[in-house]
Amino acid sequence: MKNLLLRLSTATALIASASALACGACVEDKVAATYDHAVISQANARHQQVLFVALDGPNAERAARRMTAAAAKVRGVEAKTLRTSAAPAAFSIVVARSESPERAVAGFRDALRDPAVQLTLVRVMRDGMLIEPK
């Protein structure tokens, strides 16, 4: 009986932990997939903002790989701070404090030139605080 209870509790723990794995559907997964502590620390020290952006659509994974070229064309961003993730499809980047996050994301949309890919600003980090966009 004791052996059966041990097996049942082990199986329950394994099932519970498997269901807790990141699926990429929530905002936190997209932030975590592109979070770079060194980049964030430097941005905070310089009073810059960090944008976390989700990519959705049939070409989202391919678009995540093309973000480096797009970053070079967007005003107010520091291209070298770009961090991308194919799964979940997302990216983060440091943007000047004076630049509008929405304008920066629009710049990425224009540079990407793929109407099938939807870019959604999911979080902005300013002075160490994660903020939901307007």
C-alpha atoms as a PDB file:
ATOM      1  CA  MET A   1       0.000   0.000   0.000  1.00  0.00           C
ATOM      2  CA  LYS A   2       2.814   2.388   0.897  1.00  0.00           C
ATOM      3  CA  ASN A   3       4.507   1.633  -2.446  1.00  0.00           C
ATOM      4  CA  LEU A   4       1.254   2.363  -4.319  1.00  0.00           C
ATOM      5  CA  LEU A   5       0.847   5.721  -2.567  1.00  0.00           C
ATOM      6  CA  LEU A   6       4.433   6.628  -3.404  1.00  0.00           C
ATOM      7  CA  ARG A   7       3.862   5.799  -7.080  1.00  0.00           C
ATOM      8  CA  LEU A   8       0.612   7.771  -7.178  1.00  0.00           C
ATOM      9  CA  SER A   9       2.156  10.815  -5.560  1.00  0.00           C
ATOM     10  CA  THR A  10       5.144  10.663  -7.922  1.00  0.00           C
ATOM     11  CA  ALA A  11       2.866  10.400 -10.960  1.00  0.00           C
ATOM     12  CA  THR A  12       0.756  13.313  -9.711  1.00  0.00           C
ATOM     13  CA  ALA A  13       3.859  15.464  -9.200  1.00  0.00           C
ATOM     14  CA  LEU A  14       5.139  14.672 -12.696  1.00  0.00           C
ATOM     15  CA  ILE A  15       1.802  15.505 -14.304  1.00  0.00           C
ATOM     16  CA  ALA A  16       1.525  18.756 -12.349  1.00  0.00           C
ATOM     17  CA  SER A  17       5.050  19.850 -13.247  1.00  0.00           C
ATOM     18  CA  ALA A  18       4.553  19.023 -16.938  1.00  0.00           C
ATOM     19  CA  SER A  19       1.449  21.201 -17.071  1.00  0.00           C
ATOM     20  CA  ALA A  20       3.393  24.080 -15.521  1.00  0.00           C
ATOM     21  CA  LEU A  21       5.929  24.244 -18.370  1.00  0.00           C
ATOM     22  CA  ALA A  22       5.930  27.386 -20.484  1.00  0.00           C
ATOM     23  CA  CYS A  23       3.620  27.089 -23.456  1.00  0.00           C
ATOM     24  CA  GLY A  24       4.360  30.486 -24.998  1.00  0.00           C
ATOM     25  CA  ALA A  25       0.752  31.614 -24.838  1.00  0.00           C
ATOM     26  CA  CYS A  26       0.992  34.064 -21.950  1.00  0.00           C
ATOM     27  CA  VAL A  27       2.707  37.428 -21.829  1.00  0.00           C
ATOM     28  CA  GLU A  28       5.117  36.273 -19.142  1.00  0.00           C
ATOM     29  CA  ASP A  29       6.477  33.545 -21.445  1.00  0.00           C
ATOM     30  CA  LYS A  30       7.195  36.107 -24.157  1.00  0.00           C
ATOM     31  CA  VAL A  31       8.948  38.411 -21.684  1.00  0.00           C
ATOM     32  CA  ALA A  32      10.960  35.565 -20.149  1.00  0.00           C
ATOM     33  CA  ALA A  33      12.012  34.211 -23.560  1.00  0.00           C
ATOM     34  CA  THR A  34      13.655  37.531 -24.505  1.00  0.00           C
ATOM     35  CA  TYR A  35      14.800  38.768 -21.078  1.00  0.00           C
ATOM     36  CA  ASP A  36      18.526  39.539 -20.823  1.00  0.00           C
ATOM     37  CA  HIS A  37      19.524  40.713 -17.351  1.00  0.00           C
ATOM     38  CA  ALA A  38      22.671  42.530 -18.508  1.00  0.00           C
ATOM     39  CA  VAL A  39      20.786  44.458 -21.200  1.00  0.00           C
ATOM     40  CA  ILE A  40      17.986  45.343 -18.786  1.00  0.00           C
ATOM     41  CA  SER A  41      20.417  46.474 -16.076  1.00  0.00           C
ATOM     42  CA  GLN A  42      22.240  48.779 -18.485  1.00  0.00           C
ATOM     43  CA  ALA A  43      18.952  50.190 -19.802  1.00  0.00           C
ATOM     44  CA  ASN A  44      17.765  50.882 -16.257  1.00  0.00           C
ATOM     45  CA  ALA A  45      21.041  52.613 -15.380  1.00  0.00           C
ATOM     46  CA  ARG A  46      20.688  54.837 -18.445  1.00  0.00           C
ATOM     47  CA  HIS A  47      16.972  55.488 -17.802  1.00  0.00           C
ATOM     48  CA  GLN A  48      16.038  53.892 -21.107  1.00  0.00           C
ATOM     49  CA  GLN A  49      13.050  51.672 -21.734  1.00  0.00           C
ATOM     50  CA  VAL A  50      12.898  48.057 -22.862  1.00  0.00           C
ATOM     51  CA  LEU A  51      10.095  46.911 -25.124  1.00  0.00           C
ATOM     52  CA  PHE A  52       8.790  43.337 -25.132  1.00  0.00           C
ATOM     53  CA  VAL A  53       6.928  42.539 -28.330  1.00  0.00           C
ATOM     54  CA  ALA A  54       4.975  39.427 -29.361  1.00  0.00           C
ATOM     55  CA  LEU A  55       4.905  38.215 -32.945  1.00  0.00           C
ATOM     56  CA  ASP A  56       1.832  36.371 -34.177  1.00  0.00           C
ATOM     57  CA  GLY A  57       0.858  34.908 -37.521  1.00  0.00           C
ATOM     58  CA  PRO A  58       1.912  32.186 -39.935  1.00  0.00           C
ATOM     59  CA  ASN A  59       5.355  33.721 -40.526  1.00  0.00           C
ATOM     60  CA  ALA A  60       6.050  34.749 -36.919  1.00  0.00           C
ATOM     61  CA  GLU A  61       9.018  32.421 -36.340  1.00  0.00           C
ATOM     62  CA  ARG A  62      10.684  33.518 -39.580  1.00  0.00           C
ATOM     63  CA  ALA A  63       9.969  37.171 -38.725  1.00  0.00           C
ATOM     64  CA  ALA A  64      11.710  36.737 -35.353  1.00  0.00           C
ATOM     65  CA  ARG A  65      14.862  35.744 -37.249  1.00  0.00           C
ATOM     66  CA  ARG A  66      14.561  38.824 -39.519  1.00  0.00           C
ATOM     67  CA  MET A  67      14.310  41.314 -36.656  1.00  0.00           C
ATOM     68  CA  THR A  68      18.047  42.144 -36.669  1.00  0.00           C
ATOM     69  CA  ALA A  69      17.799  43.698 -40.124  1.00  0.00           C
ATOM     70  CA  ALA A  70      14.602  45.493 -39.130  1.00  0.00           C
ATOM     71  CA  ALA A  71      16.178  46.927 -35.947  1.00  0.00           C
ATOM     72  CA  ALA A  72      18.818  48.751 -37.974  1.00  0.00           C
ATOM     73  CA  LYS A  73      16.018  50.735 -39.657  1.00  0.00           C
ATOM     74  CA  VAL A  74      13.980  51.751 -36.602  1.00  0.00           C
ATOM     75  CA  ARG A  75      14.521  55.181 -35.064  1.00  0.00           C
ATOM     76  CA  GLY A  76      15.441  55.390 -31.386  1.00  0.00           C
ATOM     77  CA  VAL A  77      16.330  51.732 -30.821  1.00  0.00           C
ATOM     78  CA  GLU A  78      19.676  50.230 -29.878  1.00  0.00           C
ATOM     79  CA  ALA A  79      19.955  47.431 -32.433  1.00  0.00           C
ATOM     80  CA  LYS A  80      22.701  45.603 -30.520  1.00  0.00           C
ATOM     81  CA  THR A  81      20.289  45.065 -27.589  1.00  0.00           C
ATOM     82  CA  LEU A  82      17.789  43.091 -29.690  1.00  0.00           C
ATOM     83  CA  ARG A  83      16.943  39.695 -28.201  1.00  0.00           C
ATOM     84  CA  THR A  84      14.680  37.362 -30.185  1.00  0.00           C
ATOM     85  CA  SER A  85      12.878  34.110 -29.565  1.00  0.00           C
ATOM     86  CA  ALA A  86      11.390  31.851 -32.231  1.00  0.00           C
ATOM     87  CA  ALA A  87       9.220  29.904 -29.792  1.00  0.00           C
ATOM     88  CA  PRO A  88       7.400  31.767 -28.454  1.00  0.00           C
ATOM     89  CA  ALA A  89       7.851  34.257 -31.275  1.00  0.00           C
ATOM     90  CA  ALA A  90       8.854  37.495 -29.554  1.00  0.00           C
ATOM     91  CA  PHE A  91      11.592  40.073 -29.201  1.00  0.00           C
ATOM     92  CA  SER A  92      12.851  42.679 -26.775  1.00  0.00           C
ATOM     93  CA  ILE A  93      14.883  45.786 -27.476  1.00  0.00           C
ATOM     94  CA  VAL A  94      16.150  48.906 -25.692  1.00  0.00           C
ATOM     95  CA  VAL A  95      14.575  52.148 -26.842  1.00  0.00           C
ATOM     96  CA  ALA A  96      15.431  55.730 -25.953  1.00  0.00           C
ATOM     97  CA  ARG A  97      13.295  57.140 -23.143  1.00  0.00           C
ATOM     98  CA  SER A  98      12.148  59.948 -25.435  1.00  0.00           C
ATOM     99  CA  GLU A  99      10.856  57.516 -28.070  1.00  0.00           C
ATOM    100  CA  SER A 100       7.238  56.375 -28.008  1.00  0.00           C
ATOM    101  CA  PRO A 101       7.023  52.566 -27.597  1.00  0.00           C
ATOM    102  CA  GLU A 102       4.095  52.462 -30.001  1.00  0.00           C
ATOM    103  CA  ARG A 103       6.063  54.424 -32.617  1.00  0.00           C
ATOM    104  CA  ALA A 104       9.017  52.062 -32.256  1.00  0.00           C
ATOM    105  CA  VAL A 105       6.776  49.015 -32.765  1.00  0.00           C
ATOM    106  CA  ALA A 106       5.215  50.717 -35.800  1.00  0.00           C
ATOM    107  CA  GLY A 107       8.753  51.231 -37.108  1.00  0.00           C
ATOM    108  CA  PHE A 108       9.398  47.499 -36.785  1.00  0.00           C
ATOM    109  CA  ARG A 109       6.145  46.756 -38.638  1.00  0.00           C
ATOM    110  CA  ASP A 110       7.220  49.052 -41.473  1.00  0.00           C
ATOM    111  CA  ALA A 111      10.750  47.620 -41.601  1.00  0.00           C
ATOM    112  CA  LEU A 112       9.502  44.025 -41.485  1.00  0.00           C
ATOM    113  CA  ARG A 113       7.041  44.542 -44.359  1.00  0.00           C
ATOM    114  CA  ASP A 114       5.061  41.370 -43.707  1.00  0.00           C
ATOM    115  CA  PRO A 115       1.326  42.019 -43.298  1.00  0.00           C
ATOM    116  CA  ALA A 116       0.782  38.428 -42.165  1.00  0.00           C
ATOM    117  CA  VAL A 117       2.830  39.030 -39.006  1.00  0.00           C
ATOM    118  CA  GLN A 118       1.172  40.931 -36.199  1.00  0.00           C
ATOM    119  CA  LEU A 119       3.406  42.760 -33.713  1.00  0.00           C
ATOM    120  CA  THR A 120       1.914  43.416 -30.289  1.00  0.00           C
ATOM    121  CA  LEU A 121       3.611  45.465 -27.596  1.00  0.00           C
ATOM    122  CA  VAL A 122       3.060  43.320 -24.498  1.00  0.00           C
ATOM    123  CA  ARG A 123       5.182  45.051 -21.833  1.00  0.00           C
ATOM    124  CA  VAL A 124       7.441  48.059 -21.376  1.00  0.00           C
ATOM    125  CA  MET A 125      10.126  48.164 -18.694  1.00  0.00           C
ATOM    126  CA  ARG A 126      11.077  51.558 -17.285  1.00  0.00           C
ATOM    127  CA  ASP A 127      13.301  52.045 -14.252  1.00  0.00           C
ATOM    128  CA  GLY A 128      13.037  48.362 -13.362  1.00  0.00           C
ATOM    129  CA  MET A 129       9.227  48.254 -13.479  1.00  0.00           C
ATOM    130  CA  LEU A 130       7.256  46.187 -16.005  1.00  0.00           C
ATOM    131  CA  ILE A 131       4.354  48.254 -17.307  1.00  0.00           C
ATOM    132  CA  GLU A 132       1.416  47.166 -19.407  1.00  0.00           C
ATOM    133  CA  PRO A 133       1.213  49.258 -22.582  1.00  0.00           C
ATOM    134  CA  LYS A 134      -1.642  51.689 -23.104  1.00  0.00           C
END
